[in-house]
């Protein structure tokens, strides 16, 4: 996904942390995860729900390195970092394009649950794209009611709708 200047400006202003992955042979950057730490009440007068949770702003792996577990490693390390910095019970959320079946599968395998289906959440290259909000919470005693429907094999690359 391509990001505009505003995204990078926010990363510089708010409390964000990054974990980078490098190819051990070439030292090339091959993966990155960036997350926002929750804003503490003392630092901001008014809080909303988004300020009380960690947020995975982006996770990306270069095409030649996908499907090898690097995204999962980066994600798990970021979850551990956020919880060690704030609280072991910290909720962590993220948004993912609804047609990104591989990423959704990875997030579900890492303990995230779909909590919202958001229409036209992203605007990329002149087109609107739907997204899912996912949450990883240590406080869930049962899985949230929202589930991703099993899609036919040929449909998985285009959409994973919510029941």
C-alpha atoms as a PDB file:
ATOM      1  CA  UNK A   1       0.000   0.000   0.000  1.00  0.00           C
ATOM      2  CA  UNK A   2       1.234   3.487  -0.760  1.00  0.00           C
ATOM      3  CA  UNK A   3       0.968   6.209   1.868  1.00  0.00           C
ATOM      4  CA  UNK A   4       0.771   9.953   1.512  1.00  0.00           C
ATOM      5  CA  UNK A   5       2.762  12.582   3.359  1.00  0.00           C
ATOM      6  CA  UNK A   6       0.113  12.895   6.097  1.00  0.00           C
ATOM      7  CA  UNK A   7       0.705   9.286   7.205  1.00  0.00           C
ATOM      8  CA  UNK A   8       4.435   9.888   7.630  1.00  0.00           C
ATOM      9  CA  UNK A   9       3.862  13.237   9.350  1.00  0.00           C
ATOM     10  CA  UNK A  10       1.652  11.492  11.932  1.00  0.00           C
ATOM     11  CA  UNK A  11       4.324   8.882  12.588  1.00  0.00           C
ATOM     12  CA  UNK A  12       6.766  11.660  13.421  1.00  0.00           C
ATOM     13  CA  UNK A  13       4.362  13.510  15.750  1.00  0.00           C
ATOM     14  CA  UNK A  14       2.582  10.777  17.716  1.00  0.00           C
ATOM     15  CA  UNK A  15       4.245   8.091  19.819  1.00  0.00           C
ATOM     16  CA  UNK A  16       5.041   5.432  17.205  1.00  0.00           C
ATOM     17  CA  UNK A  17       7.478   2.525  17.331  1.00  0.00           C
ATOM     18  CA  UNK A  18       8.900   0.523  14.425  1.00  0.00           C
ATOM     19  CA  UNK A  19      10.500  -2.866  13.975  1.00  0.00           C
ATOM     20  CA  UNK A  20      12.494  -3.472  10.822  1.00  0.00           C
ATOM     21  CA  UNK A  21      13.445  -6.762   9.174  1.00  0.00           C
ATOM     22  CA  UNK A  22      16.605  -7.058   7.081  1.00  0.00           C
ATOM     23  CA  UNK A  23      17.849  -9.753   4.725  1.00  0.00           C
ATOM     24  CA  UNK A  24      20.775 -11.394   6.526  1.00  0.00           C
ATOM     25  CA  UNK A  25      22.779 -11.796   3.299  1.00  0.00           C
ATOM     26  CA  UNK A  26      22.244  -8.413   1.622  1.00  0.00           C
ATOM     27  CA  UNK A  27      21.251  -6.221   4.586  1.00  0.00           C
ATOM     28  CA  UNK A  28      18.314  -4.967   2.497  1.00  0.00           C
ATOM     29  CA  UNK A  29      15.195  -3.823   4.315  1.00  0.00           C
ATOM     30  CA  UNK A  30      12.618  -6.546   3.588  1.00  0.00           C
ATOM     31  CA  UNK A  31       9.949  -5.962   6.234  1.00  0.00           C
ATOM     32  CA  UNK A  32       8.594  -3.328   8.579  1.00  0.00           C
ATOM     33  CA  UNK A  33       5.882  -2.959  11.168  1.00  0.00           C
ATOM     34  CA  UNK A  34       4.923   0.436  12.626  1.00  0.00           C
ATOM     35  CA  UNK A  35       2.604   0.834  15.594  1.00  0.00           C
ATOM     36  CA  UNK A  36       1.172   3.660  17.659  1.00  0.00           C
ATOM     37  CA  UNK A  37       1.431   3.509  21.419  1.00  0.00           C
ATOM     38  CA  UNK A  38      -1.728   4.534  23.268  1.00  0.00           C
ATOM     39  CA  UNK A  39      -1.869   8.155  24.350  1.00  0.00           C
ATOM     40  CA  UNK A  40      -1.846   8.562  28.123  1.00  0.00           C
ATOM     41  CA  UNK A  41      -4.598  10.661  29.704  1.00  0.00           C
ATOM     42  CA  UNK A  42      -2.038  13.087  31.118  1.00  0.00           C
ATOM     43  CA  UNK A  43      -0.657  13.750  27.626  1.00  0.00           C
ATOM     44  CA  UNK A  44      -4.005  14.422  25.969  1.00  0.00           C
ATOM     45  CA  UNK A  45      -7.030  16.104  27.524  1.00  0.00           C
ATOM     46  CA  UNK A  46      -9.700  14.127  25.681  1.00  0.00           C
ATOM     47  CA  UNK A  47      -9.386  10.442  24.955  1.00  0.00           C
ATOM     48  CA  UNK A  48     -11.434   8.249  22.707  1.00  0.00           C
ATOM     49  CA  UNK A  49     -11.366   4.477  22.265  1.00  0.00           C
ATOM     50  CA  UNK A  50      -8.641   4.641  19.639  1.00  0.00           C
ATOM     51  CA  UNK A  51      -6.328   6.380  22.140  1.00  0.00           C
ATOM     52  CA  UNK A  52      -6.685   3.591  24.683  1.00  0.00           C
ATOM     53  CA  UNK A  53      -5.336   0.793  22.498  1.00  0.00           C
ATOM     54  CA  UNK A  54      -2.179   0.033  20.605  1.00  0.00           C
ATOM     55  CA  UNK A  55      -2.592   0.336  16.860  1.00  0.00           C
ATOM     56  CA  UNK A  56      -0.671  -1.407  14.087  1.00  0.00           C
ATOM     57  CA  UNK A  57      -0.377   1.414  11.555  1.00  0.00           C
ATOM     58  CA  UNK A  58       1.297  -0.642   8.848  1.00  0.00           C
ATOM     59  CA  UNK A  59       2.989  -3.973   8.275  1.00  0.00           C
ATOM     60  CA  UNK A  60       4.730  -4.717   5.020  1.00  0.00           C
ATOM     61  CA  UNK A  61       7.003  -7.381   3.588  1.00  0.00           C
ATOM     62  CA  UNK A  62       8.756  -7.111   0.216  1.00  0.00           C
ATOM     63  CA  UNK A  63       7.180  -9.375  -2.410  1.00  0.00           C
ATOM     64  CA  UNK A  64      10.086 -11.818  -2.695  1.00  0.00           C
ATOM     65  CA  UNK A  65      10.026 -12.422   1.064  1.00  0.00           C
ATOM     66  CA  UNK A  66       6.285 -12.960   1.532  1.00  0.00           C
ATOM     67  CA  UNK A  67       4.893 -16.321   2.579  1.00  0.00           C
ATOM     68  CA  UNK A  68       7.994 -17.195   4.628  1.00  0.00           C
ATOM     69  CA  UNK A  69       6.748 -16.139   8.064  1.00  0.00           C
ATOM     70  CA  UNK A  70       8.480 -12.752   8.269  1.00  0.00           C
ATOM     71  CA  UNK A  71       5.198 -10.824   8.591  1.00  0.00           C
ATOM     72  CA  UNK A  72       4.097 -13.095  11.425  1.00  0.00           C
ATOM     73  CA  UNK A  73       7.435 -12.665  13.220  1.00  0.00           C
ATOM     74  CA  UNK A  74       7.286  -8.865  12.895  1.00  0.00           C
ATOM     75  CA  UNK A  75       3.666  -8.805  14.092  1.00  0.00           C
ATOM     76  CA  UNK A  76       4.316 -11.017  17.118  1.00  0.00           C
ATOM     77  CA  UNK A  77       7.384  -8.986  18.103  1.00  0.00           C
ATOM     78  CA  UNK A  78       5.365  -5.759  17.860  1.00  0.00           C
ATOM     79  CA  UNK A  79       2.528  -7.188  19.965  1.00  0.00           C
ATOM     80  CA  UNK A  80       5.074  -8.209  22.620  1.00  0.00           C
ATOM     81  CA  UNK A  81       6.765  -4.789  22.473  1.00  0.00           C
ATOM     82  CA  UNK A  82       3.499  -2.847  22.817  1.00  0.00           C
ATOM     83  CA  UNK A  83       2.350  -4.967  25.739  1.00  0.00           C
ATOM     84  CA  UNK A  84       5.726  -4.759  27.497  1.00  0.00           C
ATOM     85  CA  UNK A  85       5.735  -0.954  27.125  1.00  0.00           C
ATOM     86  CA  UNK A  86       2.138  -0.399  28.262  1.00  0.00           C
ATOM     87  CA  UNK A  87       0.316  -3.355  29.783  1.00  0.00           C
ATOM     88  CA  UNK A  88       0.076  -7.093  29.196  1.00  0.00           C
ATOM     89  CA  UNK A  89      -3.696  -6.616  28.825  1.00  0.00           C
ATOM     90  CA  UNK A  90      -3.402  -3.914  26.133  1.00  0.00           C
ATOM     91  CA  UNK A  91      -5.835  -4.286  23.236  1.00  0.00           C
ATOM     92  CA  UNK A  92      -4.156  -3.934  19.857  1.00  0.00           C
ATOM     93  CA  UNK A  93      -6.099  -3.094  16.714  1.00  0.00           C
ATOM     94  CA  UNK A  94      -5.418  -2.684  13.009  1.00  0.00           C
ATOM     95  CA  UNK A  95      -7.194  -2.191   9.717  1.00  0.00           C
ATOM     96  CA  UNK A  96      -6.684  -4.364   6.659  1.00  0.00           C
ATOM     97  CA  UNK A  97      -8.068  -4.154   3.148  1.00  0.00           C
ATOM     98  CA  UNK A  98     -10.982  -6.561   2.912  1.00  0.00           C
ATOM     99  CA  UNK A  99      -9.545  -8.172  -0.215  1.00  0.00           C
ATOM    100  CA  UNK A 100      -6.144  -8.931   1.352  1.00  0.00           C
ATOM    101  CA  UNK A 101      -6.878 -12.582   2.129  1.00  0.00           C
ATOM    102  CA  UNK A 102      -3.279 -13.532   2.939  1.00  0.00           C
ATOM    103  CA  UNK A 103      -2.882 -10.742   5.496  1.00  0.00           C
ATOM    104  CA  UNK A 104      -6.272 -11.531   7.057  1.00  0.00           C
ATOM    105  CA  UNK A 105      -5.299 -15.191   7.393  1.00  0.00           C
ATOM    106  CA  UNK A 106      -2.045 -14.188   9.132  1.00  0.00           C
ATOM    107  CA  UNK A 107      -3.813 -11.802  11.527  1.00  0.00           C
ATOM    108  CA  UNK A 108      -6.398 -14.424  12.458  1.00  0.00           C
ATOM    109  CA  UNK A 109      -3.611 -16.960  13.071  1.00  0.00           C
ATOM    110  CA  UNK A 110      -1.944 -14.412  15.385  1.00  0.00           C
ATOM    111  CA  UNK A 111      -5.026 -14.068  17.587  1.00  0.00           C
ATOM    112  CA  UNK A 112      -6.817 -11.121  15.969  1.00  0.00           C
ATOM    113  CA  UNK A 113     -10.589 -11.103  15.513  1.00  0.00           C
ATOM    114  CA  UNK A 114     -12.650  -9.141  13.021  1.00  0.00           C
ATOM    115  CA  UNK A 115     -14.734  -6.573  14.887  1.00  0.00           C
ATOM    116  CA  UNK A 116     -15.929  -4.269  12.088  1.00  0.00           C
ATOM    117  CA  UNK A 117     -16.567  -4.271   8.347  1.00  0.00           C
ATOM    118  CA  UNK A 118     -15.894  -0.733   7.131  1.00  0.00           C
ATOM    119  CA  UNK A 119     -17.076   0.326   3.692  1.00  0.00           C
ATOM    120  CA  UNK A 120     -14.797   2.617   1.646  1.00  0.00           C
ATOM    121  CA  UNK A 121     -12.252   2.928   4.475  1.00  0.00           C
ATOM    122  CA  UNK A 122      -9.293   3.353   2.124  1.00  0.00           C
ATOM    123  CA  UNK A 123      -8.996   5.679  -0.846  1.00  0.00           C
ATOM    124  CA  UNK A 124      -6.168   4.448  -3.047  1.00  0.00           C
ATOM    125  CA  UNK A 125      -5.320   5.724  -6.510  1.00  0.00           C
ATOM    126  CA  UNK A 126      -8.791   7.154  -7.048  1.00  0.00           C
ATOM    127  CA  UNK A 127     -10.733   4.128  -5.794  1.00  0.00           C
ATOM    128  CA  UNK A 128     -12.483   3.328  -2.529  1.00  0.00           C
ATOM    129  CA  UNK A 129     -11.661   0.039  -0.802  1.00  0.00           C
ATOM    130  CA  UNK A 130     -13.427  -1.714   2.054  1.00  0.00           C
ATOM    131  CA  UNK A 131     -11.556  -2.713   5.203  1.00  0.00           C
ATOM    132  CA  UNK A 132     -11.899  -4.835   8.288  1.00  0.00           C
ATOM    133  CA  UNK A 133     -10.961  -3.676  11.764  1.00  0.00           C
ATOM    134  CA  UNK A 134      -9.305  -6.461  13.726  1.00  0.00           C
ATOM    135  CA  UNK A 135      -8.486  -6.558  17.433  1.00  0.00           C
ATOM    136  CA  UNK A 136      -6.131  -8.703  19.479  1.00  0.00           C
ATOM    137  CA  UNK A 137      -7.301  -8.677  23.084  1.00  0.00           C
ATOM    138  CA  UNK A 138      -6.242 -10.714  26.090  1.00  0.00           C
ATOM    139  CA  UNK A 139      -9.593  -9.816  27.682  1.00  0.00           C
ATOM    140  CA  UNK A 140     -11.802 -11.757  25.253  1.00  0.00           C
ATOM    141  CA  UNK A 141     -13.251 -14.651  27.212  1.00  0.00           C
ATOM    142  CA  UNK A 142     -15.080 -15.807  24.107  1.00  0.00           C
ATOM    143  CA  UNK A 143     -14.490 -14.951  20.475  1.00  0.00           C
ATOM    144  CA  UNK A 144     -16.383 -11.919  19.169  1.00  0.00           C
ATOM    145  CA  UNK A 145     -19.571 -12.689  17.270  1.00  0.00           C
ATOM    146  CA  UNK A 146     -18.243 -11.218  14.006  1.00  0.00           C
ATOM    147  CA  UNK A 147     -16.605 -13.935  11.908  1.00  0.00           C
ATOM    148  CA  UNK A 148     -15.194 -14.130   8.437  1.00  0.00           C
ATOM    149  CA  UNK A 149     -17.256 -16.352   6.177  1.00  0.00           C
ATOM    150  CA  UNK A 150     -15.440 -19.201   4.450  1.00  0.00           C
ATOM    151  CA  UNK A 151     -15.072 -18.064   0.875  1.00  0.00           C
ATOM    152  CA  UNK A 152     -14.785 -20.324  -2.128  1.00  0.00           C
ATOM    153  CA  UNK A 153     -11.163 -20.919  -3.086  1.00  0.00           C
ATOM    154  CA  UNK A 154     -11.378 -18.675  -6.152  1.00  0.00           C
ATOM    155  CA  UNK A 155     -13.009 -15.852  -4.164  1.00  0.00           C
ATOM    156  CA  UNK A 156     -10.427 -15.704  -1.356  1.00  0.00           C
ATOM    157  CA  UNK A 157      -8.091 -13.434  -3.242  1.00  0.00           C
ATOM    158  CA  UNK A 158     -10.778 -10.804  -3.762  1.00  0.00           C
ATOM    159  CA  UNK A 159     -12.917 -10.661  -0.627  1.00  0.00           C
ATOM    160  CA  UNK A 160     -13.395 -12.276   2.786  1.00  0.00           C
ATOM    161  CA  UNK A 161     -16.849 -11.018   3.832  1.00  0.00           C
ATOM    162  CA  UNK A 162     -18.188 -10.979   7.359  1.00  0.00           C
ATOM    163  CA  UNK A 163     -21.261 -12.999   8.240  1.00  0.00           C
END
